[in-house]
Amino acid sequence: MFTKFFWTIRALLYSPFFGKMGMPSYLGKPLFLMGIKRVFIGKKVRIFPHLRMETHQEGSIHIEDDVIISQNVHITSAGNLSIGKSSLILANVFITNIDHDYQTIGQHVVKQKYHVKDTAIGENCYIGMGAAIMAGTVLGKQCVVGANAVVRGTFPDFCVIVGAPARIVKKYNPDTQKWEKWKE
């Protein structure tokens, strides 16, 4: 509790440097922040230590209300990246909307152009430990992403996504009100 008091003070001190910092929110000691004038954080957002968050070019990051971001998370954007309200992102997760071109032989990949595809995480999603949410991913409401999943593509509301590459293994059935195995 005492630690979170200091994290709240840190959020207040950092708030003028963000595009928006809703209160009450708290921010554990970040590892790296870049371009945060284009980062918009809602109310009651809890960010644990060692966050790396960066925007490039005209990219933006929108984190809605009541989101929890665990430690050692890396979020990078050169386009539109959004995280829906009440989502939980566990430790060691990577979220991006950037792919690097690699076509030019003999030129460092970092010096080649970006391929940007908007990325959106729906509301009330659960992103498991070590997952990678890649450029162009769109998760519907209340999706569950398994640990170490590599996610790319569009996924509907109420599904469980696992694997590398990620695929749907369960969906919520509103008729039976149960999570059921998914058969393609």
Protein backbone atom coordinates (compact mmCIF):
# COMPACT_ATOMS: atom_id res chain seq x y z
CA MET A 1 0.00 0.00 0.00
CA PHE A 2 2.82 2.39 0.90
CA THR A 3 4.56 1.69 -2.41
CA LYS A 4 1.41 2.44 -4.39
CA PHE A 5 1.18 5.82 -2.66
CA PHE A 6 4.56 6.73 -4.20
CA TRP A 7 3.47 5.32 -7.55
CA THR A 8 0.44 7.65 -7.44
CA ILE A 9 2.74 10.62 -6.71
CA ARG A 10 4.92 9.54 -9.68
CA ALA A 11 1.83 9.45 -11.94
CA LEU A 12 0.98 13.01 -10.83
CA LEU A 13 4.54 14.19 -11.50
CA TYR A 14 4.68 12.53 -14.94
CA SER A 15 1.14 13.55 -15.96
CA PRO A 16 2.11 16.85 -17.68
CA PHE A 17 4.34 14.88 -20.05
CA PHE A 18 1.56 12.50 -21.20
CA GLY A 19 -1.19 13.44 -23.66
CA LYS A 20 -3.57 12.54 -20.82
CA MET A 21 -3.18 10.87 -17.43
CA GLY A 22 -6.53 10.15 -15.78
CA MET A 23 -6.62 10.07 -12.00
CA PRO A 24 -6.58 8.18 -9.78
CA SER A 25 -3.94 6.12 -11.61
CA TYR A 26 -0.51 5.00 -10.61
CA LEU A 27 2.79 4.40 -12.38
CA GLY A 28 5.57 2.16 -11.13
CA LYS A 29 9.09 3.27 -11.99
CA PRO A 30 9.25 3.05 -15.80
CA LEU A 31 12.16 1.56 -17.68
CA PHE A 32 11.83 3.72 -20.82
CA LEU A 33 9.30 6.29 -22.05
CA MET A 34 9.43 7.98 -25.47
CA GLY A 35 6.91 10.19 -27.25
CA ILE A 36 4.48 10.06 -24.35
CA LYS A 37 2.74 13.30 -25.39
CA ARG A 38 0.88 10.93 -27.73
CA VAL A 39 -0.03 8.51 -24.92
CA PHE A 40 -3.50 8.91 -23.42
CA ILE A 41 -4.23 7.09 -20.17
CA GLY A 42 -7.70 6.79 -18.66
CA LYS A 43 -8.80 6.78 -15.02
CA LYS A 44 -7.79 4.13 -12.50
CA VAL A 45 -5.03 2.67 -14.69
CA ARG A 46 -2.43 0.71 -12.74
CA ILE A 47 1.01 0.39 -14.33
CA PHE A 48 3.61 -1.69 -12.54
CA PRO A 49 7.39 -1.13 -12.73
CA HIS A 50 9.65 -1.55 -15.76
CA LEU A 51 7.21 -0.44 -18.42
CA ARG A 52 8.74 0.41 -21.79
CA MET A 53 6.33 2.55 -23.79
CA GLU A 54 7.21 4.40 -26.95
CA THR A 55 5.54 6.15 -29.86
CA HIS A 56 7.26 6.71 -33.18
CA GLN A 57 6.37 9.04 -36.06
CA GLU A 58 2.75 10.08 -35.44
CA GLY A 59 1.82 6.98 -33.45
CA SER A 60 -0.50 7.09 -30.46
CA ILE A 61 -1.40 4.82 -27.57
CA HIS A 62 -4.82 4.97 -25.92
CA ILE A 63 -5.28 3.08 -22.65
CA GLU A 64 -8.86 3.20 -21.40
CA ASP A 65 -10.11 3.22 -17.78
CA ASP A 66 -9.41 0.50 -15.20
CA VAL A 67 -6.57 -1.24 -17.11
CA ILE A 68 -3.82 -3.09 -15.25
CA ILE A 69 -0.40 -3.41 -16.89
CA SER A 70 1.99 -5.72 -15.04
CA GLN A 71 5.77 -5.44 -14.87
CA ASN A 72 8.20 -5.65 -17.82
CA VAL A 73 5.64 -4.80 -20.51
CA HIS A 74 6.75 -3.24 -23.83
CA ILE A 75 4.23 -1.22 -25.86
CA THR A 76 5.32 0.47 -29.09
CA SER A 77 3.25 2.36 -31.67
CA ALA A 78 3.70 4.21 -34.96
CA GLY A 79 -0.04 4.22 -35.73
CA ASN A 80 -3.13 3.73 -33.60
CA LEU A 81 -2.85 1.32 -30.68
CA SER A 82 -5.64 0.98 -28.14
CA ILE A 83 -6.23 -1.07 -25.01
CA GLY A 84 -9.88 -1.37 -23.96
CA LYS A 85 -11.24 -0.66 -20.50
CA SER A 86 -10.89 -3.18 -17.68
CA SER A 87 -8.24 -5.24 -19.49
CA LEU A 88 -5.44 -7.04 -17.66
CA ILE A 89 -1.99 -7.38 -19.23
CA LEU A 90 0.33 -9.73 -17.37
CA ALA A 91 4.13 -9.51 -17.13
CA ASN A 92 6.61 -9.69 -20.01
CA VAL A 93 4.03 -8.90 -22.72
CA PHE A 94 4.88 -7.15 -26.00
CA ILE A 95 2.22 -5.12 -27.85
CA THR A 96 2.91 -3.34 -31.15
CA ASN A 97 1.43 -2.04 -34.38
CA ILE A 98 4.80 -1.96 -36.16
CA ASP A 99 6.48 -4.49 -38.42
CA HIS A 100 9.93 -3.72 -39.82
CA ASP A 101 10.62 -4.20 -43.50
CA TYR A 102 13.53 -6.55 -44.17
CA GLN A 103 13.56 -6.67 -47.97
CA THR A 104 16.68 -4.57 -48.61
CA ILE A 105 19.70 -6.87 -48.36
CA GLY A 106 22.72 -5.31 -46.67
CA GLN A 107 20.71 -2.63 -44.88
CA HIS A 108 20.07 -2.90 -41.14
CA VAL A 109 16.45 -3.85 -40.46
CA VAL A 110 16.05 -0.88 -38.08
CA LYS A 111 16.90 1.50 -40.97
CA GLN A 112 14.23 0.05 -43.24
CA LYS A 113 10.70 1.46 -43.34
CA TYR A 114 7.93 0.57 -40.93
CA HIS A 115 4.81 -1.32 -41.91
CA VAL A 116 2.13 -0.01 -39.57
CA LYS A 117 -1.20 -1.74 -38.96
CA ASP A 118 -3.53 -0.52 -36.21
CA THR A 119 -3.75 -2.78 -33.16
CA ALA A 120 -6.72 -2.89 -30.78
CA ILE A 121 -7.33 -4.88 -27.62
CA GLY A 122 -11.02 -4.99 -26.70
CA GLU A 123 -12.48 -4.28 -23.32
CA ASN A 124 -12.12 -6.74 -20.44
CA CYS A 125 -9.41 -8.79 -22.19
CA TYR A 126 -6.86 -10.91 -20.34
CA ILE A 127 -3.41 -11.07 -21.93
CA GLY A 128 -1.37 -13.94 -20.48
CA MET A 129 2.26 -13.85 -19.36
CA GLY A 130 4.81 -13.46 -22.15
CA ALA A 131 2.29 -13.00 -24.98
CA ALA A 132 3.16 -11.02 -28.10
CA ILE A 133 0.35 -8.99 -29.67
CA MET A 134 1.62 -8.23 -33.18
CA ALA A 135 0.82 -5.44 -35.65
CA GLY A 136 -2.70 -5.50 -37.05
CA THR A 137 -4.19 -7.58 -34.26
CA VAL A 138 -7.77 -6.82 -33.26
CA LEU A 139 -9.15 -8.58 -30.19
CA GLY A 140 -12.87 -8.45 -29.47
CA LYS A 141 -14.42 -8.02 -26.03
CA GLN A 142 -13.36 -10.33 -23.21
CA CYS A 143 -10.79 -12.35 -25.13
CA VAL A 144 -8.33 -14.48 -23.18
CA VAL A 145 -4.82 -14.78 -24.64
CA GLY A 146 -2.77 -17.69 -23.31
CA ALA A 147 0.76 -17.43 -21.96
CA ASN A 148 3.48 -17.02 -24.61
CA ALA A 149 0.95 -16.80 -27.45
CA VAL A 150 2.01 -14.97 -30.62
CA VAL A 151 -1.15 -13.22 -31.76
CA ARG A 152 -1.78 -11.72 -35.20
CA GLY A 153 -5.15 -11.27 -36.88
CA THR A 154 -8.72 -10.45 -35.97
CA PHE A 155 -10.45 -12.40 -33.21
CA PRO A 156 -14.15 -12.18 -32.22
CA ASP A 157 -15.60 -11.37 -28.81
CA PHE A 158 -15.47 -13.98 -26.04
CA CYS A 159 -12.80 -16.37 -27.24
CA VAL A 160 -9.71 -18.07 -25.81
CA ILE A 161 -6.62 -17.75 -28.01
CA VAL A 162 -3.44 -19.81 -27.54
CA GLY A 163 -0.31 -20.91 -29.38
CA ALA A 164 2.32 -19.63 -31.77
CA PRO A 165 0.81 -18.75 -34.14
CA ALA A 166 -2.26 -18.15 -32.01
CA ARG A 167 -5.58 -19.78 -32.77
CA ILE A 168 -9.00 -19.94 -31.11
CA VAL A 169 -9.47 -22.97 -28.84
CA LYS A 170 -12.62 -21.94 -26.93
CA LYS A 171 -15.55 -19.57 -27.36
CA TYR A 172 -18.26 -18.50 -24.98
CA ASN A 173 -21.65 -19.91 -25.92
CA PRO A 174 -24.41 -17.50 -24.81
CA ASP A 175 -27.05 -20.26 -25.14
CA THR A 176 -25.38 -22.67 -22.69
CA GLN A 177 -23.57 -19.86 -20.84
CA LYS A 178 -20.36 -21.91 -20.93
CA TRP A 179 -16.94 -21.66 -22.51
CA GLU A 180 -16.86 -24.47 -25.08
CA LYS A 181 -14.14 -26.02 -27.20
CA TRP A 182 -13.96 -24.38 -30.58
CA LYS A 183 -14.18 -26.48 -33.71
CA GLU A 184 -13.34 -24.63 -36.89
